[in-house]
Amino acid sequence: MKKLISLLIVTSLIGCTKDPFNVIEPPTVPNSLQINSTVGIKLENPFVTTEVSMNVKSDIAQDVTIRIFDISNKTVSKEVMRVNAGDNILKVYTSALPSSAYRIGLFDSKGNQLGITDFNKL
């Protein structure tokens, strides 16, 4: 009898667990970050203090390099990351940058420029 009760308890617990197959909705992209082309980069706001949201859009899943250039076109920051096909909403942290004008570029693994935009660090 104890085995039967234990079996019923275990069966009821297993039956109440969540389904492991969840539908994941793609993230909603705010209007300020919409990109009409299949690839590109767009900042939420061209005037930045400590951080800003950014949309990196790619036509395929791939490794990309995001570079920040100063006014003399010297790379001041570089990061390689994996992006998915479509929109990828990321944060850019700019606290370490002095106040100035900058350019942020998106490049594929072969160094081809996929997009570029400017911003001002306040």
PDB file of N, CA and C in Angstrom:
ATOM      1  N   MET A   1       0.818  -1.194   0.000  1.00  0.00           N
ATOM      2  CA  MET A   1       0.000   0.000   0.000  1.00  0.00           C
ATOM      3  C   MET A   1       0.864   1.261   0.000  1.00  0.00           C
ATOM      4  N   LYS A   2       1.973   1.266   0.778  1.00  0.00           N
ATOM      5  CA  LYS A   2       2.866   2.428   0.823  1.00  0.00           C
ATOM      6  C   LYS A   2       3.472   2.683  -0.543  1.00  0.00           C
ATOM      7  N   LYS A   3       3.797   1.592  -1.276  1.00  0.00           N
ATOM      8  CA  LYS A   3       4.369   1.747  -2.612  1.00  0.00           C
ATOM      9  C   LYS A   3       3.364   2.381  -3.557  1.00  0.00           C
ATOM     10  N   LEU A   4       2.100   1.989  -3.445  1.00  0.00           N
ATOM     11  CA  LEU A   4       1.054   2.538  -4.301  1.00  0.00           C
ATOM     12  C   LEU A   4       0.841   4.027  -4.021  1.00  0.00           C
ATOM     13  N   ILE A   5       0.827   4.406  -2.746  1.00  0.00           N
ATOM     14  CA  ILE A   5       0.653   5.812  -2.374  1.00  0.00           C
ATOM     15  C   ILE A   5       1.856   6.623  -2.855  1.00  0.00           C
ATOM     16  N   SER A   6       3.064   6.085  -2.679  1.00  0.00           N
ATOM     17  CA  SER A   6       4.269   6.780  -3.150  1.00  0.00           C
ATOM     18  C   SER A   6       4.235   6.959  -4.650  1.00  0.00           C
ATOM     19  N   LEU A   7       3.809   5.921  -5.371  1.00  0.00           N
ATOM     20  CA  LEU A   7       3.712   5.995  -6.830  1.00  0.00           C
ATOM     21  C   LEU A   7       2.693   7.046  -7.260  1.00  0.00           C
ATOM     22  N   LEU A   8       1.576   7.127  -6.576  1.00  0.00           N
ATOM     23  CA  LEU A   8       0.555   8.132  -6.901  1.00  0.00           C
ATOM     24  C   LEU A   8       1.071   9.548  -6.638  1.00  0.00           C
ATOM     25  N   ILE A   9       1.808   9.740  -5.548  1.00  0.00           N
ATOM     26  CA  ILE A   9       2.358  11.065  -5.236  1.00  0.00           C
ATOM     27  C   ILE A   9       3.373  11.483  -6.285  1.00  0.00           C
ATOM     28  N   VAL A  10       4.281  10.577  -6.641  1.00  0.00           N
ATOM     29  CA  VAL A  10       5.303  10.887  -7.653  1.00  0.00           C
ATOM     30  C   VAL A  10       4.644  11.188  -8.992  1.00  0.00           C
ATOM     31  N   THR A  11       3.653  10.388  -9.377  1.00  0.00           N
ATOM     32  CA  THR A  11       2.949  10.596 -10.647  1.00  0.00           C
ATOM     33  C   THR A  11       2.245  11.948 -10.672  1.00  0.00           C
ATOM     34  N   SER A  12       1.620  12.333  -9.568  1.00  0.00           N
ATOM     35  CA  SER A  12       0.925  13.618  -9.539  1.00  0.00           C
ATOM     36  C   SER A  12       1.908  14.782  -9.578  1.00  0.00           C
ATOM     37  N   LEU A  13       3.076  14.628  -8.940  1.00  0.00           N
ATOM     38  CA  LEU A  13       4.086  15.691  -8.985  1.00  0.00           C
ATOM     39  C   LEU A  13       4.651  15.857 -10.385  1.00  0.00           C
ATOM     40  N   ILE A  14       4.911  14.769 -11.064  1.00  0.00           N
ATOM     41  CA  ILE A  14       5.449  14.840 -12.435  1.00  0.00           C
ATOM     42  C   ILE A  14       4.411  15.446 -13.369  1.00  0.00           C
ATOM     43  N   GLY A  15       3.152  15.112 -13.166  1.00  0.00           N
ATOM     44  CA  GLY A  15       2.092  15.636 -14.020  1.00  0.00           C
ATOM     45  C   GLY A  15       1.868  17.124 -13.849  1.00  0.00           C
ATOM     46  N   CYS A  16       2.338  17.712 -12.742  1.00  0.00           N
ATOM     47  CA  CYS A  16       2.125  19.131 -12.476  1.00  0.00           C
ATOM     48  C   CYS A  16       3.305  20.011 -12.871  1.00  0.00           C
ATOM     49  N   THR A  17       4.349  19.437 -13.421  1.00  0.00           N
ATOM     50  CA  THR A  17       5.499  20.249 -13.811  1.00  0.00           C
ATOM     51  C   THR A  17       5.210  20.972 -15.115  1.00  0.00           C
ATOM     52  N   LYS A  18       5.988  22.034 -15.350  1.00  0.00           N
ATOM     53  CA  LYS A  18       5.816  22.819 -16.566  1.00  0.00           C
ATOM     54  C   LYS A  18       6.259  22.037 -17.785  1.00  0.00           C
ATOM     55  N   ASP A  19       5.630  22.323 -18.898  1.00  0.00           N
ATOM     56  CA  ASP A  19       6.010  21.740 -20.175  1.00  0.00           C
ATOM     57  C   ASP A  19       7.396  22.261 -20.548  1.00  0.00           C
ATOM     58  N   PRO A  20       8.359  21.370 -20.887  1.00  0.00           N
ATOM     59  CA  PRO A  20       9.702  21.846 -21.203  1.00  0.00           C
ATOM     60  C   PRO A  20       9.799  22.569 -22.549  1.00  0.00           C
ATOM     61  N   PHE A  21       8.779  22.500 -23.350  1.00  0.00           N
ATOM     62  CA  PHE A  21       8.807  23.139 -24.664  1.00  0.00           C
ATOM     63  C   PHE A  21       7.996  24.422 -24.626  1.00  0.00           C
ATOM     64  N   ASN A  22       8.683  25.519 -24.408  1.00  0.00           N
ATOM     65  CA  ASN A  22       8.035  26.822 -24.339  1.00  0.00           C
ATOM     66  C   ASN A  22       8.259  27.574 -25.642  1.00  0.00           C
ATOM     67  N   VAL A  23       7.250  28.256 -26.091  1.00  0.00           N
ATOM     68  CA  VAL A  23       7.383  29.101 -27.273  1.00  0.00           C
ATOM     69  C   VAL A  23       8.009  30.409 -26.836  1.00  0.00           C
ATOM     70  N   ILE A  24       9.132  30.749 -27.438  1.00  0.00           N
ATOM     71  CA  ILE A  24       9.817  31.986 -27.099  1.00  0.00           C
ATOM     72  C   ILE A  24       9.514  33.009 -28.180  1.00  0.00           C
ATOM     73  N   GLU A  25       8.895  34.083 -27.763  1.00  0.00           N
ATOM     74  CA  GLU A  25       8.559  35.155 -28.686  1.00  0.00           C
ATOM     75  C   GLU A  25       9.794  36.007 -28.959  1.00  0.00           C
ATOM     76  N   PRO A  26       9.978  36.455 -30.209  1.00  0.00           N
ATOM     77  CA  PRO A  26      11.113  37.346 -30.468  1.00  0.00           C
ATOM     78  C   PRO A  26      10.920  38.661 -29.712  1.00  0.00           C
ATOM     79  N   PRO A  27      12.028  39.304 -29.334  1.00  0.00           N
ATOM     80  CA  PRO A  27      11.891  40.545 -28.560  1.00  0.00           C
ATOM     81  C   PRO A  27      11.200  41.632 -29.377  1.00  0.00           C
ATOM     82  N   THR A  28      10.424  42.432 -28.687  1.00  0.00           N
ATOM     83  CA  THR A  28       9.789  43.565 -29.337  1.00  0.00           C
ATOM     84  C   THR A  28      10.817  44.682 -29.452  1.00  0.00           C
ATOM     85  N   VAL A  29      10.988  45.177 -30.667  1.00  0.00           N
ATOM     86  CA  VAL A  29      11.969  46.230 -30.913  1.00  0.00           C
ATOM     87  C   VAL A  29      11.252  47.571 -30.836  1.00  0.00           C
ATOM     88  N   PRO A  30      11.677  48.458 -29.926  1.00  0.00           N
ATOM     89  CA  PRO A  30      11.049  49.780 -29.839  1.00  0.00           C
ATOM     90  C   PRO A  30      11.216  50.544 -31.158  1.00  0.00           C
ATOM     91  N   ASN A  31      10.294  51.452 -31.415  1.00  0.00           N
ATOM     92  CA  ASN A  31      10.351  52.255 -32.648  1.00  0.00           C
ATOM     93  C   ASN A  31      11.673  52.986 -32.790  1.00  0.00           C
ATOM     94  N   SER A  32      12.248  53.432 -31.671  1.00  0.00           N
ATOM     95  CA  SER A  32      13.501  54.181 -31.720  1.00  0.00           C
ATOM     96  C   SER A  32      14.678  53.320 -32.169  1.00  0.00           C
ATOM     97  N   LEU A  33      14.506  51.980 -32.188  1.00  0.00           N
ATOM     98  CA  LEU A  33      15.588  51.083 -32.576  1.00  0.00           C
ATOM     99  C   LEU A  33      15.285  50.286 -33.851  1.00  0.00           C
ATOM    100  N   GLN A  34      14.194  50.624 -34.519  1.00  0.00           N
ATOM    101  CA  GLN A  34      13.825  49.916 -35.754  1.00  0.00           C
ATOM    102  C   GLN A  34      14.849  50.162 -36.856  1.00  0.00           C
ATOM    103  N   ILE A  35      15.236  49.093 -37.553  1.00  0.00           N
ATOM    104  CA  ILE A  35      16.125  49.177 -38.710  1.00  0.00           C
ATOM    105  C   ILE A  35      15.370  48.583 -39.893  1.00  0.00           C
ATOM    106  N   ASN A  36      15.222  49.357 -40.967  1.00  0.00           N
ATOM    107  CA  ASN A  36      14.453  48.895 -42.120  1.00  0.00           C
ATOM    108  C   ASN A  36      15.217  47.922 -43.015  1.00  0.00           C
ATOM    109  N   SER A  37      16.538  48.024 -43.059  1.00  0.00           N
ATOM    110  CA  SER A  37      17.318  47.130 -43.910  1.00  0.00           C
ATOM    111  C   SER A  37      17.553  45.793 -43.198  1.00  0.00           C
ATOM    112  N   THR A  38      18.168  44.836 -43.897  1.00  0.00           N
ATOM    113  CA  THR A  38      18.394  43.503 -43.325  1.00  0.00           C
ATOM    114  C   THR A  38      19.599  43.459 -42.391  1.00  0.00           C
ATOM    115  N   VAL A  39      20.516  44.414 -42.515  1.00  0.00           N
ATOM    116  CA  VAL A  39      21.675  44.504 -41.619  1.00  0.00           C
ATOM    117  C   VAL A  39      21.874  45.957 -41.223  1.00  0.00           C
ATOM    118  N   GLY A  40      22.484  46.172 -40.056  1.00  0.00           N
ATOM    119  CA  GLY A  40      22.784  47.543 -39.655  1.00  0.00           C
ATOM    120  C   GLY A  40      22.937  47.672 -38.163  1.00  0.00           C
ATOM    121  N   ILE A  41      23.159  48.898 -37.767  1.00  0.00           N
ATOM    122  CA  ILE A  41      23.343  49.229 -36.360  1.00  0.00           C
ATOM    123  C   ILE A  41      22.625  50.551 -36.098  1.00  0.00           C
ATOM    124  N   LYS A  42      21.952  50.638 -34.960  1.00  0.00           N
ATOM    125  CA  LYS A  42      21.236  51.869 -34.633  1.00  0.00           C
ATOM    126  C   LYS A  42      21.231  52.063 -33.129  1.00  0.00           C
ATOM    127  N   LEU A  43      21.596  53.264 -32.712  1.00  0.00           N
ATOM    128  CA  LEU A  43      21.544  53.637 -31.302  1.00  0.00           C
ATOM    129  C   LEU A  43      20.188  54.246 -30.987  1.00  0.00           C
ATOM    130  N   GLU A  44      19.733  54.043 -29.774  1.00  0.00           N
ATOM    131  CA  GLU A  44      18.450  54.595 -29.339  1.00  0.00           C
ATOM    132  C   GLU A  44      18.476  56.114 -29.323  1.00  0.00           C
ATOM    133  N   ASN A  45      19.638  56.680 -29.003  1.00  0.00           N
ATOM    134  CA  ASN A  45      19.761  58.128 -28.897  1.00  0.00           C
ATOM    135  C   ASN A  45      21.203  58.500 -29.243  1.00  0.00           C
ATOM    136  N   PRO A  46      21.409  59.538 -30.047  1.00  0.00           N
ATOM    137  CA  PRO A  46      22.791  59.924 -30.398  1.00  0.00           C
ATOM    138  C   PRO A  46      23.509  60.687 -29.288  1.00  0.00           C
ATOM    139  N   PHE A  47      22.805  61.028 -28.214  1.00  0.00           N
ATOM    140  CA  PHE A  47      23.410  61.740 -27.079  1.00  0.00           C
ATOM    141  C   PHE A  47      23.423  60.795 -25.881  1.00  0.00           C
ATOM    142  N   VAL A  48      24.624  60.445 -25.429  1.00  0.00           N
ATOM    143  CA  VAL A  48      24.811  59.371 -24.463  1.00  0.00           C
ATOM    144  C   VAL A  48      25.514  59.912 -23.219  1.00  0.00           C
ATOM    145  N   THR A  49      25.111  59.409 -22.047  1.00  0.00           N
ATOM    146  CA  THR A  49      25.828  59.750 -20.817  1.00  0.00           C
ATOM    147  C   THR A  49      26.607  58.519 -20.335  1.00  0.00           C
ATOM    148  N   THR A  50      25.914  57.531 -19.780  1.00  0.00           N
ATOM    149  CA  THR A  50      26.612  56.352 -19.246  1.00  0.00           C
ATOM    150  C   THR A  50      26.324  55.076 -20.030  1.00  0.00           C
ATOM    151  N   GLU A  51      25.154  54.993 -20.641  1.00  0.00           N
ATOM    152  CA  GLU A  51      24.796  53.815 -21.419  1.00  0.00           C
ATOM    153  C   GLU A  51      23.700  54.167 -22.409  1.00  0.00           C
ATOM    154  N   VAL A  52      23.582  53.320 -23.451  1.00  0.00           N
ATOM    155  CA  VAL A  52      22.549  53.512 -24.449  1.00  0.00           C
ATOM    156  C   VAL A  52      22.193  52.151 -25.040  1.00  0.00           C
ATOM    157  N   SER A  53      20.917  51.974 -25.385  1.00  0.00           N
ATOM    158  CA  SER A  53      20.492  50.750 -26.059  1.00  0.00           C
ATOM    159  C   SER A  53      20.859  50.832 -27.527  1.00  0.00           C
ATOM    160  N   MET A  54      21.116  49.671 -28.107  1.00  0.00           N
ATOM    161  CA  MET A  54      21.538  49.611 -29.499  1.00  0.00           C
ATOM    162  C   MET A  54      20.897  48.381 -30.134  1.00  0.00           C
ATOM    163  N   ASN A  55      20.498  48.510 -31.389  1.00  0.00           N
ATOM    164  CA  ASN A  55      20.013  47.375 -32.162  1.00  0.00           C
ATOM    165  C   ASN A  55      21.085  47.017 -33.176  1.00  0.00           C
ATOM    166  N   VAL A  56      21.524  45.768 -33.145  1.00  0.00           N
ATOM    167  CA  VAL A  56      22.447  45.229 -34.136  1.00  0.00           C
ATOM    168  C   VAL A  56      21.631  44.223 -34.942  1.00  0.00           C
ATOM    169  N   LYS A  57      21.449  44.509 -36.217  1.00  0.00           N
ATOM    170  CA  LYS A  57      20.618  43.650 -37.056  1.00  0.00           C
ATOM    171  C   LYS A  57      21.494  42.922 -38.060  1.00  0.00           C
ATOM    172  N   SER A  58      21.272  41.617 -38.170  1.00  0.00           N
ATOM    173  CA  SER A  58      22.063  40.783 -39.061  1.00  0.00           C
ATOM    174  C   SER A  58      21.137  39.901 -39.886  1.00  0.00           C
ATOM    175  N   ASP A  59      21.543  39.603 -41.112  1.00  0.00           N
ATOM    176  CA  ASP A  59      20.727  38.725 -41.950  1.00  0.00           C
ATOM    177  C   ASP A  59      20.957  37.251 -41.625  1.00  0.00           C
ATOM    178  N   ILE A  60      22.060  36.931 -40.922  1.00  0.00           N
ATOM    179  CA  ILE A  60      22.366  35.560 -40.518  1.00  0.00           C
ATOM    180  C   ILE A  60      22.947  35.574 -39.099  1.00  0.00           C
ATOM    181  N   ALA A  61      22.896  34.440 -38.421  1.00  0.00           N
ATOM    182  CA  ALA A  61      23.587  34.321 -37.132  1.00  0.00           C
ATOM    183  C   ALA A  61      25.080  34.276 -37.422  1.00  0.00           C
ATOM    184  N   GLN A  62      25.844  35.107 -36.735  1.00  0.00           N
ATOM    185  CA  GLN A  62      27.270  35.184 -37.011  1.00  0.00           C
ATOM    186  C   GLN A  62      28.002  35.904 -35.891  1.00  0.00           C
ATOM    187  N   ASP A  63      29.332  35.788 -35.914  1.00  0.00           N
ATOM    188  CA  ASP A  63      30.173  36.574 -35.024  1.00  0.00           C
ATOM    189  C   ASP A  63      30.410  37.930 -35.664  1.00  0.00           C
ATOM    190  N   VAL A  64      30.234  38.991 -34.897  1.00  0.00           N
ATOM    191  CA  VAL A  64      30.456  40.347 -35.391  1.00  0.00           C
ATOM    192  C   VAL A  64      31.398  41.077 -34.443  1.00  0.00           C
ATOM    193  N   THR A  65      32.041  42.101 -34.966  1.00  0.00           N
ATOM    194  CA  THR A  65      32.887  42.966 -34.154  1.00  0.00           C
ATOM    195  C   THR A  65      32.232  44.332 -34.075  1.00  0.00           C
ATOM    196  N   ILE A  66      32.110  44.842 -32.870  1.00  0.00           N
ATOM    197  CA  ILE A  66      31.579  46.187 -32.656  1.00  0.00           C
ATOM    198  C   ILE A  66      32.755  47.040 -32.202  1.00  0.00           C
ATOM    199  N   ARG A  67      33.036  48.089 -32.955  1.00  0.00           N
ATOM    200  CA  ARG A  67      34.163  48.983 -32.662  1.00  0.00           C
ATOM    201  C   ARG A  67      33.649  50.387 -32.407  1.00  0.00           C
ATOM    202  N   ILE A  68      34.250  51.041 -31.421  1.00  0.00           N
ATOM    203  CA  ILE A  68      33.982  52.456 -31.177  1.00  0.00           C
ATOM    204  C   ILE A  68      35.248  53.216 -31.559  1.00  0.00           C
ATOM    205  N   PHE A  69      35.081  54.223 -32.421  1.00  0.00           N
ATOM    206  CA  PHE A  69      36.181  55.047 -32.901  1.00  0.00           C
ATOM    207  C   PHE A  69      36.071  56.443 -32.311  1.00  0.00           C
ATOM    208  N   ASP A  70      37.214  57.047 -31.977  1.00  0.00           N
ATOM    209  CA  ASP A  70      37.200  58.432 -31.513  1.00  0.00           C
ATOM    210  C   ASP A  70      37.214  59.372 -32.720  1.00  0.00           C
ATOM    211  N   ILE A  71      37.309  60.657 -32.459  1.00  0.00           N
ATOM    212  CA  ILE A  71      37.217  61.659 -33.518  1.00  0.00           C
ATOM    213  C   ILE A  71      38.371  61.562 -34.525  1.00  0.00           C
ATOM    214  N   SER A  72      39.508  60.996 -34.108  1.00  0.00           N
ATOM    215  CA  SER A  72      40.634  60.826 -35.036  1.00  0.00           C
ATOM    216  C   SER A  72      40.600  59.461 -35.725  1.00  0.00           C
ATOM    217  N   ASN A  73      39.477  58.758 -35.596  1.00  0.00           N
ATOM    218  CA  ASN A  73      39.238  57.455 -36.226  1.00  0.00           C
ATOM    219  C   ASN A  73      40.090  56.339 -35.623  1.00  0.00           C
ATOM    220  N   LYS A  74      40.544  56.530 -34.389  1.00  0.00           N
ATOM    221  CA  LYS A  74      41.301  55.513 -33.665  1.00  0.00           C
ATOM    222  C   LYS A  74      40.325  54.643 -32.870  1.00  0.00           C
ATOM    223  N   THR A  75      40.519  53.314 -32.911  1.00  0.00           N
ATOM    224  CA  THR A  75      39.653  52.404 -32.161  1.00  0.00           C
ATOM    225  C   THR A  75      39.910  52.571 -30.667  1.00  0.00           C
ATOM    226  N   VAL A  76      38.844  52.905 -29.914  1.00  0.00           N
ATOM    227  CA  VAL A  76      38.962  53.056 -28.467  1.00  0.00           C
ATOM    228  C   VAL A  76      38.283  51.905 -27.719  1.00  0.00           C
ATOM    229  N   SER A  77      37.482  51.123 -28.427  1.00  0.00           N
ATOM    230  CA  SER A  77      36.820  49.972 -27.827  1.00  0.00           C
ATOM    231  C   SER A  77      36.485  48.982 -28.931  1.00  0.00           C
ATOM    232  N   LYS A  78      36.626  47.699 -28.605  1.00  0.00           N
ATOM    233  CA  LYS A  78      36.356  46.652 -29.593  1.00  0.00           C
ATOM    234  C   LYS A  78      35.826  45.430 -28.864  1.00  0.00           C
ATOM    235  N   GLU A  79      34.752  44.856 -29.383  1.00  0.00           N
ATOM    236  CA  GLU A  79      34.193  43.651 -28.794  1.00  0.00           C
ATOM    237  C   GLU A  79      33.667  42.741 -29.884  1.00  0.00           C
ATOM    238  N   VAL A  80      33.997  41.457 -29.787  1.00  0.00           N
ATOM    239  CA  VAL A  80      33.482  40.448 -30.711  1.00  0.00           C
ATOM    240  C   VAL A  80      32.365  39.717 -29.987  1.00  0.00           C
ATOM    241  N   MET A  81      31.227  39.546 -30.668  1.00  0.00           N
ATOM    242  CA  MET A  81      30.114  38.831 -30.057  1.00  0.00           C
ATOM    243  C   MET A  81      29.322  38.065 -31.108  1.00  0.00           C
ATOM    244  N   ARG A  82      28.563  37.114 -30.662  1.00  0.00           N
ATOM    245  CA  ARG A  82      27.695  36.309 -31.524  1.00  0.00           C
ATOM    246  C   ARG A  82      26.325  36.962 -31.540  1.00  0.00           C
ATOM    247  N   VAL A  83      25.785  37.194 -32.741  1.00  0.00           N
ATOM    248  CA  VAL A  83      24.438  37.742 -32.868  1.00  0.00           C
ATOM    249  C   VAL A  83      23.567  36.749 -33.628  1.00  0.00           C
ATOM    250  N   ASN A  84      22.288  36.823 -33.382  1.00  0.00           N
ATOM    251  CA  ASN A  84      21.315  35.993 -34.084  1.00  0.00           C
ATOM    252  C   ASN A  84      20.862  36.697 -35.345  1.00  0.00           C
ATOM    253  N   ALA A  85      20.251  35.967 -36.249  1.00  0.00           N
ATOM    254  CA  ALA A  85      19.640  36.584 -37.423  1.00  0.00           C
ATOM    255  C   ALA A  85      18.491  37.469 -36.940  1.00  0.00           C
ATOM    256  N   GLY A  86      18.388  38.659 -37.512  1.00  0.00           N
ATOM    257  CA  GLY A  86      17.345  39.590 -37.104  1.00  0.00           C
ATOM    258  C   GLY A  86      17.862  40.610 -36.111  1.00  0.00           C
ATOM    259  N   ASP A  87      16.963  41.127 -35.288  1.00  0.00           N
ATOM    260  CA  ASP A  87      17.288  42.176 -34.332  1.00  0.00           C
ATOM    261  C   ASP A  87      17.947  41.617 -33.080  1.00  0.00           C
ATOM    262  N   ASN A  88      18.970  42.311 -32.608  1.00  0.00           N
ATOM    263  CA  ASN A  88      19.673  41.965 -31.372  1.00  0.00           C
ATOM    264  C   ASN A  88      19.797  43.247 -30.558  1.00  0.00           C
ATOM    265  N   ILE A  89      19.053  43.343 -29.468  1.00  0.00           N
ATOM    266  CA  ILE A  89      19.068  44.544 -28.639  1.00  0.00           C
ATOM    267  C   ILE A  89      20.173  44.391 -27.592  1.00  0.00           C
ATOM    268  N   LEU A  90      21.115  45.325 -27.600  1.00  0.00           N
ATOM    269  CA  LEU A  90      22.279  45.290 -26.718  1.00  0.00           C
ATOM    270  C   LEU A  90      22.407  46.617 -25.975  1.00  0.00           C
ATOM    271  N   LYS A  91      23.222  46.645 -24.950  1.00  0.00           N
ATOM    272  CA  LYS A  91      23.542  47.879 -24.230  1.00  0.00           C
ATOM    273  C   LYS A  91      24.983  48.250 -24.520  1.00  0.00           C
ATOM    274  N   VAL A  92      25.228  49.532 -24.718  1.00  0.00           N
ATOM    275  CA  VAL A  92      26.571  50.066 -24.866  1.00  0.00           C
ATOM    276  C   VAL A  92      26.835  50.907 -23.626  1.00  0.00           C
ATOM    277  N   TYR A  93      27.908  50.564 -22.911  1.00  0.00           N
ATOM    278  CA  TYR A  93      28.276  51.290 -21.697  1.00  0.00           C
ATOM    279  C   TYR A  93      29.410  52.243 -22.034  1.00  0.00           C
ATOM    280  N   THR A  94      29.211  53.522 -21.746  1.00  0.00           N
ATOM    281  CA  THR A  94      30.158  54.552 -22.173  1.00  0.00           C
ATOM    282  C   THR A  94      30.763  55.338 -21.008  1.00  0.00           C
ATOM    283  N   SER A  95      30.616  54.863 -19.805  1.00  0.00           N
ATOM    284  CA  SER A  95      31.125  55.592 -18.635  1.00  0.00           C
ATOM    285  C   SER A  95      32.618  55.867 -18.723  1.00  0.00           C
ATOM    286  N   ALA A  96      33.384  54.948 -19.294  1.00  0.00           N
ATOM    287  CA  ALA A  96      34.843  55.089 -19.346  1.00  0.00           C
ATOM    288  C   ALA A  96      35.309  56.053 -20.437  1.00  0.00           C
ATOM    289  N   LEU A  97      34.416  56.443 -21.323  1.00  0.00           N
ATOM    290  CA  LEU A  97      34.800  57.341 -22.414  1.00  0.00           C
ATOM    291  C   LEU A  97      34.722  58.797 -21.982  1.00  0.00           C
ATOM    292  N   PRO A  98      35.712  59.605 -22.363  1.00  0.00           N
ATOM    293  CA  PRO A  98      35.603  61.044 -22.087  1.00  0.00           C
ATOM    294  C   PRO A  98      34.555  61.690 -22.997  1.00  0.00           C
ATOM    295  N   SER A  99      34.058  62.826 -22.591  1.00  0.00           N
ATOM    296  CA  SER A  99      33.075  63.549 -23.410  1.00  0.00           C
ATOM    297  C   SER A  99      33.691  63.919 -24.747  1.00  0.00           C
ATOM    298  N   SER A 100      33.032  63.492 -25.831  1.00  0.00           N
ATOM    299  CA  SER A 100      33.525  63.757 -27.182  1.00  0.00           C
ATOM    300  C   SER A 100      32.546  63.156 -28.184  1.00  0.00           C
ATOM    301  N   ALA A 101      32.867  63.295 -29.459  1.00  0.00           N
ATOM    302  CA  ALA A 101      32.103  62.662 -30.532  1.00  0.00           C
ATOM    303  C   ALA A 101      32.750  61.318 -30.853  1.00  0.00           C
ATOM    304  N   TYR A 102      31.914  60.324 -31.141  1.00  0.00           N
ATOM    305  CA  TYR A 102      32.390  58.975 -31.443  1.00  0.00           C
ATOM    306  C   TYR A 102      31.612  58.397 -32.609  1.00  0.00           C
ATOM    307  N   ARG A 103      32.161  57.348 -33.154  1.00  0.00           N
ATOM    308  CA  ARG A 103      31.509  56.586 -34.219  1.00  0.00           C
ATOM    309  C   ARG A 103      31.539  55.128 -33.767  1.00  0.00           C
ATOM    310  N   ILE A 104      30.413  54.434 -33.953  1.00  0.00           N
ATOM    311  CA  ILE A 104      30.351  53.019 -33.604  1.00  0.00           C
ATOM    312  C   ILE A 104      30.034  52.237 -34.864  1.00  0.00           C
ATOM    313  N   GLY A 105      30.838  51.205 -35.124  1.00  0.00           N
ATOM    314  CA  GLY A 105      30.696  50.426 -36.350  1.00  0.00           C
ATOM    315  C   GLY A 105      30.486  48.956 -36.086  1.00  0.00           C
ATOM    316  N   LEU A 106      29.799  48.311 -37.018  1.00  0.00           N
ATOM    317  CA  LEU A 106      29.507  46.887 -36.970  1.00  0.00           C
ATOM    318  C   LEU A 106      30.199  46.218 -38.144  1.00  0.00           C
ATOM    319  N   PHE A 107      30.990  45.163 -37.865  1.00  0.00           N
ATOM    320  CA  PHE A 107      31.772  44.487 -38.893  1.00  0.00           C
ATOM    321  C   PHE A 107      31.576  42.979 -38.793  1.00  0.00           C
ATOM    322  N   ASP A 108      31.551  42.297 -39.950  1.00  0.00           N
ATOM    323  CA  ASP A 108      31.466  40.841 -39.932  1.00  0.00           C
ATOM    324  C   ASP A 108      32.843  40.248 -39.660  1.00  0.00           C
ATOM    325  N   SER A 109      32.946  38.921 -39.649  1.00  0.00           N
ATOM    326  CA  SER A 109      34.208  38.254 -39.295  1.00  0.00           C
ATOM    327  C   SER A 109      35.311  38.470 -40.335  1.00  0.00           C
ATOM    328  N   LYS A 110      34.939  38.912 -41.532  1.00  0.00           N
ATOM    329  CA  LYS A 110      35.938  39.193 -42.572  1.00  0.00           C
ATOM    330  C   LYS A 110      36.336  40.666 -42.601  1.00  0.00           C
ATOM    331  N   GLY A 111      35.788  41.450 -41.692  1.00  0.00           N
ATOM    332  CA  GLY A 111      36.122  42.871 -41.621  1.00  0.00           C
ATOM    333  C   GLY A 111      35.247  43.759 -42.482  1.00  0.00           C
ATOM    334  N   ASN A 112      34.230  43.203 -43.129  1.00  0.00           N
ATOM    335  CA  ASN A 112      33.312  44.013 -43.941  1.00  0.00           C
ATOM    336  C   ASN A 112      32.399  44.829 -43.032  1.00  0.00           C
ATOM    337  N   GLN A 113      32.267  46.098 -43.332  1.00  0.00           N
ATOM    338  CA  GLN A 113      31.413  46.976 -42.535  1.00  0.00           C
ATOM    339  C   GLN A 113      29.950  46.684 -42.844  1.00  0.00           C
ATOM    340  N   LEU A 114      29.172  46.405 -41.795  1.00  0.00           N
ATOM    341  CA  LEU A 114      27.745  46.133 -41.942  1.00  0.00           C
ATOM    342  C   LEU A 114      26.900  47.346 -41.575  1.00  0.00           C
ATOM    343  N   GLY A 115      27.477  48.281 -40.836  1.00  0.00           N
ATOM    344  CA  GLY A 115      26.751  49.473 -40.445  1.00  0.00           C
ATOM    345  C   GLY A 115      27.636  50.354 -39.591  1.00  0.00           C
ATOM    346  N   ILE A 116      27.286  51.644 -39.563  1.00  0.00           N
ATOM    347  CA  ILE A 116      28.061  52.604 -38.763  1.00  0.00           C
ATOM    348  C   ILE A 116      27.137  53.756 -38.389  1.00  0.00           C
ATOM    349  N   THR A 117      27.352  54.318 -37.197  1.00  0.00           N
ATOM    350  CA  THR A 117      26.570  55.461 -36.744  1.00  0.00           C
ATOM    351  C   THR A 117      27.389  56.283 -35.764  1.00  0.00           C
ATOM    352  N   ASP A 118      27.000  57.515 -35.572  1.00  0.00           N
ATOM    353  CA  ASP A 118      27.724  58.439 -34.707  1.00  0.00           C
ATOM    354  C   ASP A 118      26.953  58.682 -33.412  1.00  0.00           C
ATOM    355  N   PHE A 119      27.707  59.037 -32.358  1.00  0.00           N
ATOM    356  CA  PHE A 119      27.070  59.466 -31.116  1.00  0.00           C
ATOM    357  C   PHE A 119      27.984  60.441 -30.388  1.00  0.00           C
ATOM    358  N   ASN A 120      27.392  61.186 -29.491  1.00  0.00           N
ATOM    359  CA  ASN A 120      28.123  62.157 -28.669  1.00  0.00           C
ATOM    360  C   ASN A 120      28.034  61.738 -27.225  1.00  0.00           C
ATOM    361  N   LYS A 121      29.182  61.588 -26.583  1.00  0.00           N
ATOM    362  CA  LYS A 121      29.237  61.270 -25.155  1.00  0.00           C
ATOM    363  C   LYS A 121      29.211  62.588 -24.399  1.00  0.00           C
ATOM    364  N   LEU A 122      28.179  62.776 -23.600  1.00  0.00           N
ATOM    365  CA  LEU A 122      28.024  64.032 -22.839  1.00  0.00           C
ATOM    366  C   LEU A 122      28.754  63.954 -21.522  1.00  0.00           C
TER     367      LEU A 122
END
